[in-house]
Amino acid sequence: MIVAGFDPGWNKINYAMVQHDYNNNRTHLIKWGQLDVHSMGPKDYDNVDLYLSDIAHKHFDAMNHLLSERPVIHYAFIEKPLFIQNGETTIKISIAAGAILFGCRTHGIHSELVTNSAWKKATVDNGNAKKDAIAFEARRLFDLPEYKPDQWDVYDAALIAYYGALELLKRAKEEDVVR
């Protein structure tokens, strides 16, 4: 099963895809990166509604492109938006997350939102982990290259995908116990 992790941004989508090897009980990173979603600034629109609509459409288009490629994703975990630096940024990232969720569901991919404290606690053992700890753990787990700090959200996406794989394994074990 291939699990994707998404860390939405208003101008880029950070993504990673992992596959769990049940024979060796290891999770492998198979694809990762950033999709640039260049949206013009609000001054380029007659009103803010058109600007926010453009963010949603461009994210949805980028997701359609990503999801039409191989490998086929079976399940997706998307970082749940929270209040960021200011209200405007929070709204833009919420729209981006909604477009990613909608894109996944349009393609028949089971998907859910996950809080950043949940995936950080499960993968870094600290629900308030900082970027450097996240980068270290992602590089350790998946032998990822060292990125510049402005690209560190790819590490987040990798650990969100890893969290998703761990969560699905945990749920499967719980189902077996119930049966």
Protein backbone atom coordinates (compact mmCIF):
# COMPACT_ATOMS: atom_id res chain seq x y z
CA MET A 1 0.00 0.00 0.00
CA ILE A 2 1.31 3.44 -0.92
CA VAL A 3 0.66 6.23 1.56
CA ALA A 4 1.16 9.90 0.72
CA GLY A 5 1.87 12.76 3.07
CA PHE A 6 1.10 16.36 2.20
CA ASP A 7 2.26 19.55 3.87
CA PRO A 8 0.23 22.28 2.18
CA GLY A 9 1.53 25.77 1.56
CA TRP A 10 -0.29 28.54 -0.22
CA ASN A 11 2.36 28.70 -2.96
CA LYS A 12 3.63 25.11 -2.97
CA ILE A 13 2.56 21.57 -2.16
CA ASN A 14 5.12 19.47 -0.33
CA TYR A 15 4.54 15.77 -0.81
CA ALA A 16 6.06 12.38 -0.10
CA MET A 17 4.98 8.82 -0.83
CA VAL A 18 5.99 5.79 1.20
CA GLN A 19 5.43 2.07 0.87
CA HIS A 20 5.59 -0.36 3.75
CA ASP A 21 7.45 -3.63 3.19
CA TYR A 22 5.60 -6.16 5.37
CA ASN A 23 8.27 -8.84 4.89
CA ASN A 24 11.02 -6.70 6.41
CA ASN A 25 8.74 -4.42 8.46
CA ARG A 26 10.33 -1.33 6.91
CA THR A 27 8.82 1.73 5.33
CA HIS A 28 10.50 3.03 2.18
CA LEU A 29 10.26 6.51 0.74
CA ILE A 30 9.51 6.12 -2.97
CA LYS A 31 8.77 9.65 -4.16
CA TRP A 32 8.96 13.17 -2.72
CA GLY A 33 9.21 16.78 -3.75
CA GLN A 34 7.59 20.18 -4.00
CA LEU A 35 5.01 21.32 -6.51
CA ASP A 36 5.22 25.04 -7.12
CA VAL A 37 1.79 26.59 -7.23
CA HIS A 38 2.44 30.12 -8.38
CA SER A 39 -0.52 32.22 -7.53
CA MET A 40 -0.48 35.89 -8.26
CA GLY A 41 -0.80 38.31 -5.37
CA PRO A 42 -4.12 39.84 -4.29
CA LYS A 43 -3.26 43.13 -6.00
CA ASP A 44 -3.58 41.34 -9.37
CA TYR A 45 -7.28 40.64 -8.80
CA ASP A 46 -10.39 42.79 -8.67
CA ASN A 47 -11.33 41.28 -5.32
CA VAL A 48 -10.06 38.89 -2.71
CA ASP A 49 -12.64 36.22 -3.62
CA LEU A 50 -11.05 35.78 -7.06
CA TYR A 51 -7.61 35.64 -5.48
CA LEU A 52 -8.63 32.90 -3.01
CA SER A 53 -10.44 31.03 -5.79
CA ASP A 54 -7.23 31.11 -7.86
CA ILE A 55 -5.29 29.53 -4.97
CA ALA A 56 -7.85 26.71 -4.77
CA HIS A 57 -7.91 26.10 -8.52
CA LYS A 58 -4.13 26.08 -8.91
CA HIS A 59 -3.70 23.66 -6.00
CA PHE A 60 -6.42 21.39 -7.37
CA ASP A 61 -4.81 21.45 -10.84
CA ALA A 62 -1.40 20.61 -9.35
CA MET A 63 -2.93 17.73 -7.40
CA ASN A 64 -4.63 16.37 -10.52
CA HIS A 65 -1.27 16.39 -12.28
CA LEU A 66 0.51 14.65 -9.38
CA LEU A 67 -2.22 12.09 -8.80
CA SER A 68 -2.46 11.13 -12.46
CA GLU A 69 1.18 9.96 -12.38
CA ARG A 70 2.52 6.71 -10.99
CA PRO A 71 2.72 5.31 -8.37
CA VAL A 72 -0.92 4.96 -7.45
CA ILE A 73 -1.61 6.34 -3.99
CA HIS A 74 -3.96 4.33 -1.77
CA TYR A 75 -4.20 6.59 1.27
CA ALA A 76 -3.21 10.20 2.01
CA PHE A 77 -2.58 12.14 5.19
CA ILE A 78 -2.67 15.93 4.95
CA GLU A 79 -1.41 18.27 7.63
CA LYS A 80 -4.39 19.98 9.18
CA PRO A 81 -4.20 23.77 8.97
CA LEU A 82 -3.81 25.71 12.16
CA PHE A 83 -3.47 29.39 12.91
CA ILE A 84 -0.19 30.40 11.33
CA GLN A 85 1.42 33.88 11.40
CA ASN A 86 -1.74 35.80 10.58
CA GLY A 87 -5.32 35.32 9.49
CA GLU A 88 -4.66 35.81 5.77
CA THR A 89 -1.97 33.12 5.68
CA THR A 90 -4.18 30.77 7.70
CA ILE A 91 -7.02 31.21 5.20
CA LYS A 92 -4.73 30.60 2.21
CA ILE A 93 -3.22 27.45 3.71
CA SER A 94 -6.69 26.20 4.70
CA ILE A 95 -7.84 26.64 1.11
CA ALA A 96 -4.73 24.80 -0.10
CA ALA A 97 -5.35 21.91 2.32
CA GLY A 98 -8.98 21.74 1.20
CA ALA A 99 -7.94 21.61 -2.45
CA ILE A 100 -5.47 18.80 -1.69
CA LEU A 101 -8.15 16.88 0.23
CA PHE A 102 -10.65 17.42 -2.59
CA GLY A 103 -8.07 16.35 -5.19
CA CYS A 104 -7.37 13.13 -3.31
CA ARG A 105 -11.04 12.32 -2.89
CA THR A 106 -11.76 13.14 -6.55
CA HIS A 107 -9.17 10.49 -7.46
CA GLY A 108 -10.73 7.96 -5.07
CA ILE A 109 -7.90 8.19 -2.54
CA HIS A 110 -8.88 7.69 1.10
CA SER A 111 -7.60 10.76 2.87
CA GLU A 112 -7.69 12.49 6.20
CA LEU A 113 -6.34 15.51 7.97
CA VAL A 114 -3.77 15.06 10.75
CA THR A 115 -2.63 17.59 13.34
CA ASN A 116 1.01 18.54 13.31
CA SER A 117 1.35 17.57 16.98
CA ALA A 118 0.06 14.03 16.24
CA TRP A 119 2.48 13.25 13.40
CA LYS A 120 5.40 14.93 15.20
CA LYS A 121 4.74 12.95 18.41
CA ALA A 122 4.54 9.66 16.49
CA THR A 123 7.61 10.22 14.31
CA VAL A 124 9.97 12.49 16.28
CA ASP A 125 8.61 11.63 19.75
CA ASN A 126 7.90 15.31 20.40
CA GLY A 127 4.58 16.93 19.48
CA ASN A 128 6.28 20.34 19.43
CA ALA A 129 9.35 19.26 17.42
CA LYS A 130 11.18 22.05 15.61
CA LYS A 131 12.25 22.01 11.97
CA ASP A 132 15.82 20.89 12.65
CA ALA A 133 14.66 17.81 14.62
CA ILE A 134 12.16 16.96 11.87
CA ALA A 135 14.84 17.33 9.19
CA PHE A 136 17.25 15.15 11.16
CA GLU A 137 14.68 12.36 11.63
CA ALA A 138 13.54 12.42 7.99
CA ARG A 139 17.14 12.25 6.76
CA ARG A 140 17.88 9.43 9.23
CA LEU A 141 14.84 7.35 8.28
CA PHE A 142 14.94 7.82 4.54
CA ASP A 143 18.48 8.87 3.66
CA LEU A 144 17.18 12.12 2.19
CA PRO A 145 19.58 14.77 0.94
CA GLU A 146 20.16 17.89 2.97
CA TYR A 147 17.86 20.63 1.71
CA LYS A 148 18.01 24.37 2.22
CA PRO A 149 15.78 25.58 5.07
CA ASP A 150 13.21 27.00 2.62
CA GLN A 151 12.69 23.43 1.34
CA TRP A 152 12.43 21.75 4.76
CA ASP A 153 8.68 21.27 4.40
CA VAL A 154 9.53 18.26 2.20
CA TYR A 155 10.89 16.65 5.38
CA ASP A 156 7.52 17.37 7.02
CA ALA A 157 5.72 15.67 4.14
CA ALA A 158 8.00 12.62 4.42
CA LEU A 159 7.26 12.24 8.12
CA ILE A 160 3.54 12.85 7.57
CA ALA A 161 3.55 9.98 5.06
CA TYR A 162 5.55 7.84 7.50
CA TYR A 163 3.05 8.69 10.24
CA GLY A 164 0.26 7.61 7.89
CA ALA A 165 1.92 4.24 7.26
CA LEU A 166 2.42 3.70 11.00
CA GLU A 167 -1.16 4.73 11.74
CA LEU A 168 -2.59 2.36 9.13
CA LEU A 169 -0.46 -0.52 10.49
CA LYS A 170 -1.70 0.25 14.01
CA ARG A 171 -5.33 0.31 12.84
CA ALA A 172 -4.90 -3.00 10.99
CA LYS A 173 -3.48 -4.63 14.14
CA GLU A 174 -6.36 -3.26 16.21
CA GLU A 175 -8.86 -4.67 13.71
CA ASP A 176 -7.19 -8.08 13.93
CA VAL A 177 -7.49 -8.01 17.71
CA VAL A 178 -11.19 -7.13 17.53
CA ARG A 179 -11.97 -9.94 15.05
